[in-house]
Amino acid sequence: MNRQTKVSDLVGTWNLINWQSLRNGEFFSHPMGEDVCGQLIYTKEGRMSGFLMRADFNSEAPGTDTQAKKCLSYAGTYSINGVDVSHQVLLSTIPEWIGSPLVRTMVWQGEQLLLKTDPNRSHDGNDYQNELLWERL
């Protein structure tokens, strides 16, 4: 259920419960595995940071391309606009995200927070969307 979200609703540290990718509105995959780990932090001053990684991240040799595909992080500022939270990216392991807003739709499921990306049309003609479910620590 969607509810009006205030900054105080987001402030704190969040633990990732699930990350799933949808293709054309139906389950497609777990981008970093079913046992993905993640943490999202929002401050009252409007700063945020997020870190996501595969549970087997440490099993690869340091500095390998495979290891680089098993984690991502970014940080910056955030603002709320209705049911959307916009992360203005200042730092990221994905260079294309730097300087860009990442807009997520917030859906409250009790005390858990589902963040959803907008569907994105891929070169294969399918619409892909990500859903990340968080719980407050």
C-alpha atoms as a PDB file:
ATOM      1  CA  MET A   1       0.000   0.000   0.000  1.00  0.00           C
ATOM      2  CA  ASN A   2       1.285   3.461  -0.863  1.00  0.00           C
ATOM      3  CA  ARG A   3       1.273   6.140   1.799  1.00  0.00           C
ATOM      4  CA  GLN A   4       2.549   9.688   1.938  1.00  0.00           C
ATOM      5  CA  THR A   5       6.226   9.407   2.853  1.00  0.00           C
ATOM      6  CA  LYS A   6       8.060  11.980   4.950  1.00  0.00           C
ATOM      7  CA  VAL A   7      11.837  12.326   5.342  1.00  0.00           C
ATOM      8  CA  SER A   8      11.505  10.993   8.897  1.00  0.00           C
ATOM      9  CA  ASP A   9      10.001   7.772   7.468  1.00  0.00           C
ATOM     10  CA  LEU A  10      13.207   7.097   5.508  1.00  0.00           C
ATOM     11  CA  VAL A  11      15.904   8.287   7.918  1.00  0.00           C
ATOM     12  CA  GLY A  12      17.945   5.400   9.217  1.00  0.00           C
ATOM     13  CA  THR A  13      19.647   2.250   8.026  1.00  0.00           C
ATOM     14  CA  TRP A  14      17.857  -0.308   5.878  1.00  0.00           C
ATOM     15  CA  ASN A  15      18.745  -3.943   5.203  1.00  0.00           C
ATOM     16  CA  LEU A  16      18.040  -5.494   1.792  1.00  0.00           C
ATOM     17  CA  ILE A  17      15.667  -8.458   1.976  1.00  0.00           C
ATOM     18  CA  ASN A  18      15.130  -9.169  -1.720  1.00  0.00           C
ATOM     19  CA  TRP A  19      16.073  -7.833  -5.150  1.00  0.00           C
ATOM     20  CA  GLN A  20      14.216  -9.117  -8.141  1.00  0.00           C
ATOM     21  CA  SER A  21      14.098  -8.153 -11.780  1.00  0.00           C
ATOM     22  CA  LEU A  22      10.861  -8.249 -13.739  1.00  0.00           C
ATOM     23  CA  ARG A  23      10.543  -8.702 -17.486  1.00  0.00           C
ATOM     24  CA  ASN A  24       7.273  -7.423 -18.927  1.00  0.00           C
ATOM     25  CA  GLY A  25       5.807  -7.336 -15.410  1.00  0.00           C
ATOM     26  CA  GLU A  26       6.687 -10.931 -14.480  1.00  0.00           C
ATOM     27  CA  PHE A  27       9.525 -12.339 -12.374  1.00  0.00           C
ATOM     28  CA  PHE A  28      12.707 -12.725 -14.432  1.00  0.00           C
ATOM     29  CA  SER A  29      15.723 -13.074 -12.130  1.00  0.00           C
ATOM     30  CA  HIS A  30      17.568 -12.177  -8.947  1.00  0.00           C
ATOM     31  CA  PRO A  31      20.307  -9.913 -10.393  1.00  0.00           C
ATOM     32  CA  MET A  32      22.817 -10.680  -7.632  1.00  0.00           C
ATOM     33  CA  GLY A  33      21.410 -14.000  -6.478  1.00  0.00           C
ATOM     34  CA  GLU A  34      18.683 -14.947  -4.031  1.00  0.00           C
ATOM     35  CA  ASP A  35      21.021 -14.299  -1.097  1.00  0.00           C
ATOM     36  CA  VAL A  36      21.968 -10.745  -2.094  1.00  0.00           C
ATOM     37  CA  CYS A  37      23.189  -8.457   0.697  1.00  0.00           C
ATOM     38  CA  GLY A  38      22.650  -4.730   0.887  1.00  0.00           C
ATOM     39  CA  GLN A  39      22.426  -1.666   3.048  1.00  0.00           C
ATOM     40  CA  LEU A  40      20.757   1.660   2.363  1.00  0.00           C
ATOM     41  CA  ILE A  41      21.284   4.685   4.593  1.00  0.00           C
ATOM     42  CA  TYR A  42      19.263   7.911   4.622  1.00  0.00           C
ATOM     43  CA  THR A  43      20.210  10.859   6.849  1.00  0.00           C
ATOM     44  CA  LYS A  44      17.972  13.680   8.064  1.00  0.00           C
ATOM     45  CA  GLU A  45      20.331  16.107   6.272  1.00  0.00           C
ATOM     46  CA  GLY A  46      19.281  14.667   2.899  1.00  0.00           C
ATOM     47  CA  ARG A  47      22.271  12.387   2.241  1.00  0.00           C
ATOM     48  CA  MET A  48      22.028   8.756   1.190  1.00  0.00           C
ATOM     49  CA  SER A  49      24.259   5.827   0.369  1.00  0.00           C
ATOM     50  CA  GLY A  50      23.550   2.348  -0.893  1.00  0.00           C
ATOM     51  CA  PHE A  51      25.692  -0.771  -1.139  1.00  0.00           C
ATOM     52  CA  LEU A  52      24.628  -4.071  -2.704  1.00  0.00           C
ATOM     53  CA  MET A  53      26.647  -7.238  -3.236  1.00  0.00           C
ATOM     54  CA  ARG A  54      26.385 -10.922  -3.961  1.00  0.00           C
ATOM     55  CA  ALA A  55      26.819 -13.145  -0.927  1.00  0.00           C
ATOM     56  CA  ASP A  56      29.741 -14.872  -2.690  1.00  0.00           C
ATOM     57  CA  PHE A  57      31.556 -11.577  -3.383  1.00  0.00           C
ATOM     58  CA  ASN A  58      34.666 -12.616  -1.436  1.00  0.00           C
ATOM     59  CA  SER A  59      35.068 -15.888  -3.340  1.00  0.00           C
ATOM     60  CA  GLU A  60      36.731 -14.193  -6.338  1.00  0.00           C
ATOM     61  CA  ALA A  61      40.309 -13.042  -6.614  1.00  0.00           C
ATOM     62  CA  PRO A  62      40.578  -9.328  -5.730  1.00  0.00           C
ATOM     63  CA  GLY A  63      40.393  -6.935  -8.649  1.00  0.00           C
ATOM     64  CA  THR A  64      38.902  -9.368 -11.157  1.00  0.00           C
ATOM     65  CA  ASP A  65      36.186  -8.377 -13.616  1.00  0.00           C
ATOM     66  CA  THR A  66      33.961 -11.056 -12.122  1.00  0.00           C
ATOM     67  CA  GLN A  67      34.304  -9.509  -8.675  1.00  0.00           C
ATOM     68  CA  ALA A  68      33.416  -6.060 -10.060  1.00  0.00           C
ATOM     69  CA  LYS A  69      30.090  -7.447 -11.351  1.00  0.00           C
ATOM     70  CA  LYS A  70      29.159  -8.731  -7.917  1.00  0.00           C
ATOM     71  CA  CYS A  71      28.765  -5.446  -6.075  1.00  0.00           C
ATOM     72  CA  LEU A  72      27.647  -1.897  -6.634  1.00  0.00           C
ATOM     73  CA  SER A  73      27.484   1.181  -4.505  1.00  0.00           C
ATOM     74  CA  TYR A  74      26.507   4.783  -4.849  1.00  0.00           C
ATOM     75  CA  ALA A  75      26.000   7.822  -2.668  1.00  0.00           C
ATOM     76  CA  GLY A  76      24.641  11.318  -2.919  1.00  0.00           C
ATOM     77  CA  THR A  77      21.584  13.263  -1.859  1.00  0.00           C
ATOM     78  CA  TYR A  78      17.897  12.419  -1.929  1.00  0.00           C
ATOM     79  CA  SER A  79      14.537  14.144  -2.116  1.00  0.00           C
ATOM     80  CA  ILE A  80      10.943  12.969  -1.902  1.00  0.00           C
ATOM     81  CA  ASN A  81       8.301  13.909  -4.458  1.00  0.00           C
ATOM     82  CA  GLY A  82       4.952  12.251  -3.759  1.00  0.00           C
ATOM     83  CA  VAL A  83       5.467   8.479  -3.894  1.00  0.00           C
ATOM     84  CA  ASP A  84       8.920   8.806  -5.475  1.00  0.00           C
ATOM     85  CA  VAL A  85      12.340   9.154  -3.886  1.00  0.00           C
ATOM     86  CA  SER A  86      15.039  10.610  -6.120  1.00  0.00           C
ATOM     87  CA  HIS A  87      18.671   9.696  -5.419  1.00  0.00           C
ATOM     88  CA  GLN A  88      20.946  12.345  -6.940  1.00  0.00           C
ATOM     89  CA  VAL A  89      24.128  10.344  -7.548  1.00  0.00           C
ATOM     90  CA  LEU A  90      27.435  12.018  -6.650  1.00  0.00           C
ATOM     91  CA  LEU A  91      29.622   8.893  -6.267  1.00  0.00           C
ATOM     92  CA  SER A  92      29.135   5.483  -7.861  1.00  0.00           C
ATOM     93  CA  THR A  93      30.832   2.294  -8.979  1.00  0.00           C
ATOM     94  CA  ILE A  94      28.759   2.743 -12.165  1.00  0.00           C
ATOM     95  CA  PRO A  95      30.218   5.858 -13.837  1.00  0.00           C
ATOM     96  CA  GLU A  96      27.102   6.448 -15.991  1.00  0.00           C
ATOM     97  CA  TRP A  97      25.059   7.081 -12.841  1.00  0.00           C
ATOM     98  CA  ILE A  98      27.222   9.970 -11.585  1.00  0.00           C
ATOM     99  CA  GLY A  99      25.388  13.282 -11.934  1.00  0.00           C
ATOM    100  CA  SER A 100      22.081  11.581 -12.671  1.00  0.00           C
ATOM    101  CA  PRO A 101      18.986  11.095 -10.573  1.00  0.00           C
ATOM    102  CA  LEU A 102      17.853   7.539  -9.854  1.00  0.00           C
ATOM    103  CA  VAL A 103      14.113   7.773  -9.240  1.00  0.00           C
ATOM    104  CA  ARG A 104      12.441   4.993  -7.269  1.00  0.00           C
ATOM    105  CA  THR A 105       8.753   4.546  -6.515  1.00  0.00           C
ATOM    106  CA  MET A 106       8.191   3.832  -2.819  1.00  0.00           C
ATOM    107  CA  VAL A 107       5.617   1.211  -1.881  1.00  0.00           C
ATOM    108  CA  TRP A 108       5.150   0.584   1.829  1.00  0.00           C
ATOM    109  CA  GLN A 109       4.376  -2.995   2.821  1.00  0.00           C
ATOM    110  CA  GLY A 110       3.730  -2.636   6.532  1.00  0.00           C
ATOM    111  CA  GLU A 111       7.072  -1.403   7.891  1.00  0.00           C
ATOM    112  CA  GLN A 112       9.005  -2.732   4.890  1.00  0.00           C
ATOM    113  CA  LEU A 113       9.836  -0.467   1.966  1.00  0.00           C
ATOM    114  CA  LEU A 114       9.716  -1.646  -1.638  1.00  0.00           C
ATOM    115  CA  LEU A 115      11.682   0.561  -4.041  1.00  0.00           C
ATOM    116  CA  LYS A 116      10.741   0.095  -7.688  1.00  0.00           C
ATOM    117  CA  THR A 117      12.459   1.368 -10.813  1.00  0.00           C
ATOM    118  CA  ASP A 118      10.389   2.521 -13.762  1.00  0.00           C
ATOM    119  CA  PRO A 119      10.124  -0.069 -16.541  1.00  0.00           C
ATOM    120  CA  ASN A 120      12.930   0.364 -19.064  1.00  0.00           C
ATOM    121  CA  ARG A 121      12.657  -0.871 -22.655  1.00  0.00           C
ATOM    122  CA  SER A 122      15.711  -2.932 -23.586  1.00  0.00           C
ATOM    123  CA  HIS A 123      17.260  -3.488 -27.014  1.00  0.00           C
ATOM    124  CA  ASP A 124      15.518  -6.909 -27.024  1.00  0.00           C
ATOM    125  CA  GLY A 125      12.091  -5.200 -26.997  1.00  0.00           C
ATOM    126  CA  ASN A 126      11.220  -6.249 -23.429  1.00  0.00           C
ATOM    127  CA  ASP A 127      10.448  -3.963 -20.499  1.00  0.00           C
ATOM    128  CA  TYR A 128      12.655  -4.558 -17.452  1.00  0.00           C
ATOM    129  CA  GLN A 129      12.043  -3.281 -13.932  1.00  0.00           C
ATOM    130  CA  ASN A 130      13.783  -3.850 -10.595  1.00  0.00           C
ATOM    131  CA  GLU A 131      12.128  -4.203  -7.197  1.00  0.00           C
ATOM    132  CA  LEU A 132      14.192  -3.999  -4.014  1.00  0.00           C
ATOM    133  CA  LEU A 133      12.579  -4.819  -0.677  1.00  0.00           C
ATOM    134  CA  TRP A 134      14.120  -3.232   2.432  1.00  0.00           C
ATOM    135  CA  GLU A 135      13.561  -3.483   6.174  1.00  0.00           C
ATOM    136  CA  ARG A 136      14.765  -0.998   8.774  1.00  0.00           C
ATOM    137  CA  LEU A 137      17.611  -2.154  11.000  1.00  0.00           C
END
